[in-house]
Structures are given as structure tokens and as C-alpha cells.
C-alpha atoms as a PDB file:
ATOM      1  CA  MET A   1      -5.518 -21.641 -11.466  1.00  0.00           C
ATOM      2  CA  LEU A   2      -5.171 -17.821 -10.956  1.00  0.00           C
ATOM      3  CA  GLN A   3      -4.073 -16.493  -7.437  1.00  0.00           C
ATOM      4  CA  LEU A   4      -4.809 -13.264  -6.302  1.00  0.00           C
ATOM      5  CA  ARG A   5      -2.849 -11.575  -3.814  1.00  0.00           C
ATOM      6  CA  TYR A   6      -1.561  -7.805  -2.927  1.00  0.00           C
ATOM      7  CA  VAL A   7       0.966  -7.488  -0.411  1.00  0.00           C
ATOM      8  CA  LEU A   8       1.343  -3.711   0.889  1.00  0.00           C
ATOM      9  CA  ARG A   9       4.674  -2.729   1.885  1.00  0.00           C
ATOM     10  CA  CYS A  10       3.510  -0.800   5.049  1.00  0.00           C
ATOM     11  CA  GLY A  11       3.382  -3.665   7.762  1.00  0.00           C
ATOM     12  CA  ALA A  12       0.339  -5.156   7.036  1.00  0.00           C
ATOM     13  CA  GLY A  13      -0.477  -8.261   4.468  1.00  0.00           C
ATOM     14  CA  LEU A  14      -3.623  -7.642   2.783  1.00  0.00           C
ATOM     15  CA  SER A  15      -5.380 -10.449   0.369  1.00  0.00           C
ATOM     16  CA  ALA A  16      -6.476  -9.027  -2.961  1.00  0.00           C
ATOM     17  CA  ILE A  17      -4.742  -8.631  -6.183  1.00  0.00           C
ATOM     18  CA  GLY A  18      -1.090  -9.091  -7.109  1.00  0.00           C
ATOM     19  CA  LEU A  19       0.605  -6.134  -8.424  1.00  0.00           C
ATOM     20  CA  GLY A  20       4.071  -4.741 -10.135  1.00  0.00           C
ATOM     21  CA  LEU A  21       7.082  -2.417 -11.170  1.00  0.00           C
ATOM     22  CA  LEU A  22       7.414   0.822  -9.125  1.00  0.00           C
ATOM     23  CA  THR A  23       8.496   4.126 -10.504  1.00  0.00           C
ATOM     24  CA  ALA A  24       8.694   6.384  -7.487  1.00  0.00           C
ATOM     25  CA  THR A  25       9.370   9.717  -7.195  1.00  0.00           C
ATOM     26  CA  SER A  26      11.439  10.733  -3.820  1.00  0.00           C
ATOM     27  CA  ILE A  27      11.092  13.445  -1.370  1.00  0.00           C
ATOM     28  CA  PRO A  28      14.526  14.638  -0.390  1.00  0.00           C
ATOM     29  CA  ALA A  29      15.745  13.413   2.857  1.00  0.00           C
ATOM     30  CA  SER A  30      15.759  16.867   4.449  1.00  0.00           C
ATOM     31  CA  GLU A  31      11.919  16.521   4.100  1.00  0.00           C
ATOM     32  CA  ASN A  32      10.985  13.006   5.298  1.00  0.00           C
ATOM     33  CA  LEU A  33       7.496  12.742   6.161  1.00  0.00           C
ATOM     34  CA  ILE A  34       8.209  10.020   8.691  1.00  0.00           C
ATOM     35  CA  GLU A  35      10.592   9.062  11.609  1.00  0.00           C
ATOM     36  CA  PRO A  36      12.574   5.914  11.121  1.00  0.00           C
ATOM     37  CA  GLY A  37      12.049   3.514  13.895  1.00  0.00           C
ATOM     38  CA  GLN A  38       9.428   0.924  15.296  1.00  0.00           C
ATOM     39  CA  TRP A  39       6.291   1.272  14.001  1.00  0.00           C
ATOM     40  CA  LYS A  40       2.634  -0.227  15.049  1.00  0.00           C
ATOM     41  CA  VAL A  41       0.558  -0.870  12.030  1.00  0.00           C
ATOM     42  CA  THR A  42      -3.397  -1.340  12.489  1.00  0.00           C
ATOM     43  CA  SER A  43      -5.221  -2.280   9.327  1.00  0.00           C
ATOM     44  CA  THR A  44      -8.909  -2.775   9.290  1.00  0.00           C
ATOM     45  CA  THR A  45     -10.089  -4.549   6.049  1.00  0.00           C
ATOM     46  CA  VAL A  46     -13.401  -5.102   4.230  1.00  0.00           C
ATOM     47  CA  ILE A  47     -13.483  -7.623   1.450  1.00  0.00           C
ATOM     48  CA  ASN A  48     -16.756  -7.896  -0.699  1.00  0.00           C
ATOM     49  CA  GLY A  49     -18.701  -6.073   1.967  1.00  0.00           C
ATOM     50  CA  VAL A  50     -17.484  -8.259   4.688  1.00  0.00           C
ATOM     51  CA  VAL A  51     -15.646  -6.717   7.585  1.00  0.00           C
ATOM     52  CA  GLN A  52     -12.430  -8.565   8.894  1.00  0.00           C
ATOM     53  CA  PRO A  53     -10.854  -8.422  12.043  1.00  0.00           C
ATOM     54  CA  SER A  54      -8.118  -5.465  12.633  1.00  0.00           C
ATOM     55  CA  GLN A  55      -4.698  -6.552  12.624  1.00  0.00           C
ATOM     56  CA  ALA A  56      -1.557  -4.834  14.364  1.00  0.00           C
ATOM     57  CA  LYS A  57       1.778  -5.589  12.982  1.00  0.00           C
ATOM     58  CA  GLY A  58       5.006  -4.349  13.982  1.00  0.00           C
ATOM     59  CA  ARG A  59       7.421  -2.669  11.657  1.00  0.00           C
ATOM     60  CA  CYS A  60      10.854  -1.486  11.718  1.00  0.00           C
ATOM     61  CA  ILE A  61      11.387   1.284   9.308  1.00  0.00           C
ATOM     62  CA  SER A  62      15.248   2.202   8.406  1.00  0.00           C
ATOM     63  CA  PRO A  63      16.293   5.855   7.746  1.00  0.00           C
ATOM     64  CA  GLU A  64      16.567   5.120   3.925  1.00  0.00           C
ATOM     65  CA  GLN A  65      13.093   3.681   3.948  1.00  0.00           C
ATOM     66  CA  ALA A  66      11.728   6.933   5.802  1.00  0.00           C
ATOM     67  CA  ALA A  67      13.770   8.892   3.035  1.00  0.00           C
ATOM     68  CA  ASP A  68      11.669   7.172   0.354  1.00  0.00           C
ATOM     69  CA  ILE A  69       8.449   6.898   1.125  1.00  0.00           C
ATOM     70  CA  ALA A  70       7.198   6.402  -2.376  1.00  0.00           C
ATOM     71  CA  LYS A  71       9.128   3.230  -2.360  1.00  0.00           C
ATOM     72  CA  THR A  72       8.229   2.183   1.038  1.00  0.00           C
ATOM     73  CA  PHE A  73       4.711   2.664   0.679  1.00  0.00           C
ATOM     74  CA  GLY A  74       4.157   1.979  -2.722  1.00  0.00           C
ATOM     75  CA  PRO A  75       2.613  -0.882  -4.761  1.00  0.00           C
ATOM     76  CA  VAL A  76       4.209  -4.145  -5.008  1.00  0.00           C
ATOM     77  CA  SER A  77       3.294  -6.554  -8.001  1.00  0.00           C
ATOM     78  CA  GLY A  78       3.045 -10.054  -9.032  1.00  0.00           C
ATOM     79  CA  THR A  79       0.561 -10.833 -11.567  1.00  0.00           C
ATOM     80  CA  ILE A  80      -0.048 -13.890 -13.541  1.00  0.00           C
ATOM     81  CA  ASN A  81      -1.549 -13.858 -17.139  1.00  0.00           C
ATOM     82  CA  SER A  82      -1.868  -9.781 -16.695  1.00  0.00           C
ATOM     83  CA  THR A  83       0.075  -6.935 -17.908  1.00  0.00           C
ATOM     84  CA  CYS A  84       0.390  -3.818 -15.302  1.00  0.00           C
ATOM     85  CA  ASP A  85       0.957  -0.166 -16.323  1.00  0.00           C
ATOM     86  CA  ALA A  86       3.958   1.675 -14.279  1.00  0.00           C
ATOM     87  CA  PRO A  87       2.006   2.740 -11.273  1.00  0.00           C
ATOM     88  CA  ASP A  88       0.948   6.776 -10.875  1.00  0.00           C
ATOM     89  CA  ILE A  89       2.836   8.026  -8.152  1.00  0.00           C
ATOM     90  CA  LYS A  90       2.241  11.545  -6.840  1.00  0.00           C
ATOM     91  CA  THR A  91       3.555  13.371  -3.477  1.00  0.00           C
ATOM     92  CA  THR A  92       2.482  16.795  -2.249  1.00  0.00           C
ATOM     93  CA  GLU A  93       3.453  18.097   0.992  1.00  0.00           C
ATOM     94  CA  ARG A  94       2.513  15.293   3.232  1.00  0.00           C
ATOM     95  CA  LYS A  95       0.576  12.912   1.360  1.00  0.00           C
ATOM     96  CA  LEU A  96       1.090  10.064  -1.197  1.00  0.00           C
ATOM     97  CA  THR A  97      -1.276   8.715  -3.792  1.00  0.00           C
ATOM     98  CA  TRP A  98      -0.632   5.830  -6.040  1.00  0.00           C
ATOM     99  CA  ARG A  99      -2.639   3.992  -8.552  1.00  0.00           C
ATOM    100  CA  LEU A 100      -1.920   0.897 -10.410  1.00  0.00           C
ATOM    101  CA  THR A 101      -3.753  -0.851 -13.034  1.00  0.00           C
ATOM    102  CA  CYS A 102      -3.385  -4.164 -14.763  1.00  0.00           C
ATOM    103  CA  ARG A 103      -5.000  -5.772 -17.658  1.00  0.00           C
ATOM    104  CA  GLY A 104      -5.420  -9.260 -18.881  1.00  0.00           C
ATOM    105  CA  GLN A 105      -6.661 -12.744 -17.507  1.00  0.00           C
ATOM    106  CA  LEU A 106      -7.375 -10.445 -14.435  1.00  0.00           C
ATOM    107  CA  ASP A 107      -8.050  -6.725 -14.628  1.00  0.00           C
ATOM    108  CA  ALA A 108      -7.181  -4.992 -11.224  1.00  0.00           C
ATOM    109  CA  ASP A 109      -7.344  -1.401 -10.131  1.00  0.00           C
ATOM    110  CA  VAL A 110      -5.900  -0.477  -6.845  1.00  0.00           C
ATOM    111  CA  ALA A 111      -5.201   2.792  -5.693  1.00  0.00           C
ATOM    112  CA  GLY A 112      -3.563   3.849  -2.223  1.00  0.00           C
ATOM    113  CA  GLU A 113      -3.660   7.527  -0.066  1.00  0.00           C
ATOM    114  CA  PHE A 114      -1.320   7.989   2.641  1.00  0.00           C
ATOM    115  CA  ASN A 115      -1.516  11.086   4.726  1.00  0.00           C
ATOM    116  CA  PHE A 116       1.347  11.736   7.055  1.00  0.00           C
ATOM    117  CA  ASP A 117      -0.045  14.130   9.711  1.00  0.00           C
ATOM    118  CA  SER A 118       3.053  13.945  11.515  1.00  0.00           C
ATOM    119  CA  PRO A 119       6.498  12.120  11.777  1.00  0.00           C
ATOM    120  CA  GLN A 120       5.130  10.013  13.996  1.00  0.00           C
ATOM    121  CA  HIS A 121       1.569   8.993  12.910  1.00  0.00           C
ATOM    122  CA  TYR A 122       0.059   8.471   9.275  1.00  0.00           C
ATOM    123  CA  THR A 123      -3.375   7.007   8.186  1.00  0.00           C
ATOM    124  CA  ALA A 124      -4.005   5.691   4.692  1.00  0.00           C
ATOM    125  CA  MET A 125      -6.734   3.568   2.554  1.00  0.00           C
ATOM    126  CA  VAL A 126      -5.930   1.137   0.094  1.00  0.00           C
ATOM    127  CA  THR A 127      -8.633  -0.046  -2.512  1.00  0.00           C
ATOM    128  CA  SER A 128      -8.606  -2.560  -4.967  1.00  0.00           C
ATOM    129  CA  GLN A 129     -10.879  -3.977  -7.413  1.00  0.00           C
ATOM    130  CA  GLY A 130     -10.363  -7.262  -9.596  1.00  0.00           C
ATOM    131  CA  ARG A 131     -12.323  -8.238 -12.579  1.00  0.00           C
ATOM    132  CA  MET A 132     -12.258 -11.367 -14.779  1.00  0.00           C
ATOM    133  CA  ALA A 133     -14.387 -11.436 -17.793  1.00  0.00           C
ATOM    134  CA  GLY A 134     -15.796  -8.427 -16.624  1.00  0.00           C
ATOM    135  CA  ALA A 135     -17.018  -9.670 -13.352  1.00  0.00           C
ATOM    136  CA  LEU A 136     -16.051  -8.237 -10.232  1.00  0.00           C
ATOM    137  CA  ILE A 137     -14.657 -10.982  -8.136  1.00  0.00           C
ATOM    138  CA  SER A 138     -12.866  -9.018  -6.015  1.00  0.00           C
ATOM    139  CA  ASP A 139     -13.740  -5.733  -3.895  1.00  0.00           C
ATOM    140  CA  VAL A 140     -11.090  -4.190  -1.248  1.00  0.00           C
ATOM    141  CA  LYS A 141     -10.672  -1.456   1.204  1.00  0.00           C
ATOM    142  CA  THR A 142      -8.034  -1.430   3.563  1.00  0.00           C
ATOM    143  CA  GLY A 143      -7.772   1.147   6.414  1.00  0.00           C
ATOM    144  CA  LEU A 144      -4.419   1.578   8.146  1.00  0.00           C
ATOM    145  CA  GLU A 145      -2.818   3.819  11.029  1.00  0.00           C
ATOM    146  CA  GLY A 146       0.538   3.929  11.337  1.00  0.00           C
ATOM    147  CA  GLU A 147       2.360   5.178  14.878  1.00  0.00           C
ATOM    148  CA  ARG A 148       6.010   5.504  15.884  1.00  0.00           C
ATOM    149  CA  VAL A 149       6.306   3.451  19.101  1.00  0.00           C
ATOM    150  CA  GLY A 150      10.189   3.879  19.223  1.00  0.00           C
ATOM    151  CA  ASP A 151      13.497   2.971  18.075  1.00  0.00           C
ATOM    152  CA  CYS A 152      13.841  -0.480  16.026  1.00  0.00           C
ATOM    153  CA  PRO A 153      15.120  -3.417  18.254  1.00  0.00           C
END
């Protein structure tokens, strides 16, 4: 039995497709796009056209995590019977984009776009599609909004 899951390291769990190796580019610490501290992350997910209830979760972001957004907000993989390419990760000014593709028993295409509009706020969209034997079995779109709410406990 093939297990499908995708875990996004931005405070919200997301059911979809399992993923992998992270080769990230870093932005120098002097140019942190977000502030360390306690964050509220609200996710809104649509799975195969069905809107799921929004969820809000807290997350403490350390100074080290704030200094490396590609690692902090990049994909994490865990596939069975599939091989994933190294993620394509790009950072430009106030944006992080990444894409990960996996091929095998499960073909997966997962992409994320994070817009850091201020050091205390970001929005993001993560999309994923999973196919088995060429047939679409999973189409997931998750919108995220992160807001810094204070210092970590």
C-alpha cells in the first residue's frame, strides 16, 4: 500500500504527497526576510476540488530558521517506491519558490511560492499533484498566511 503525505515545515500539516532531499540556497543573515518569534500560520486547503476547513497553528521560528528561509520553508520528502529529483529552489528579493518532482510508483509534482511582504507577515501557495499509472489521484492546493504574533514562549 502506498502512503501519500506531505509535510510542510511552515506550521501547517498538509495531506498530499511525501517528499525529499533539500539543497537550499541561503539568504545572508543580514537580509532576513522574517523575524524570529512566535508565528500564527493559517492554512486553507482544497483537496481534489473540495475545500477543507481552515486551520490555524502556532510555530516558534528560531533566529537560525529565520536566517535560512529555503531550509525552513522548503520541501521535506519521504516517498516509497519513487525517486525525487533535488528540489529546484530560488530566492529573489522577498520571494521563495521551489519545485520538487518525483517519479516511480507515484509521480508527484509539488511547488511552493512564498511571498514575504514584511518581516512580520507572509503568504504562500503550495500545490501538489500525484499520479499513479498516469491517472491523477491527488490534486491539492494550500494557501498559507503567516503572521508574527510575539516572542516564543
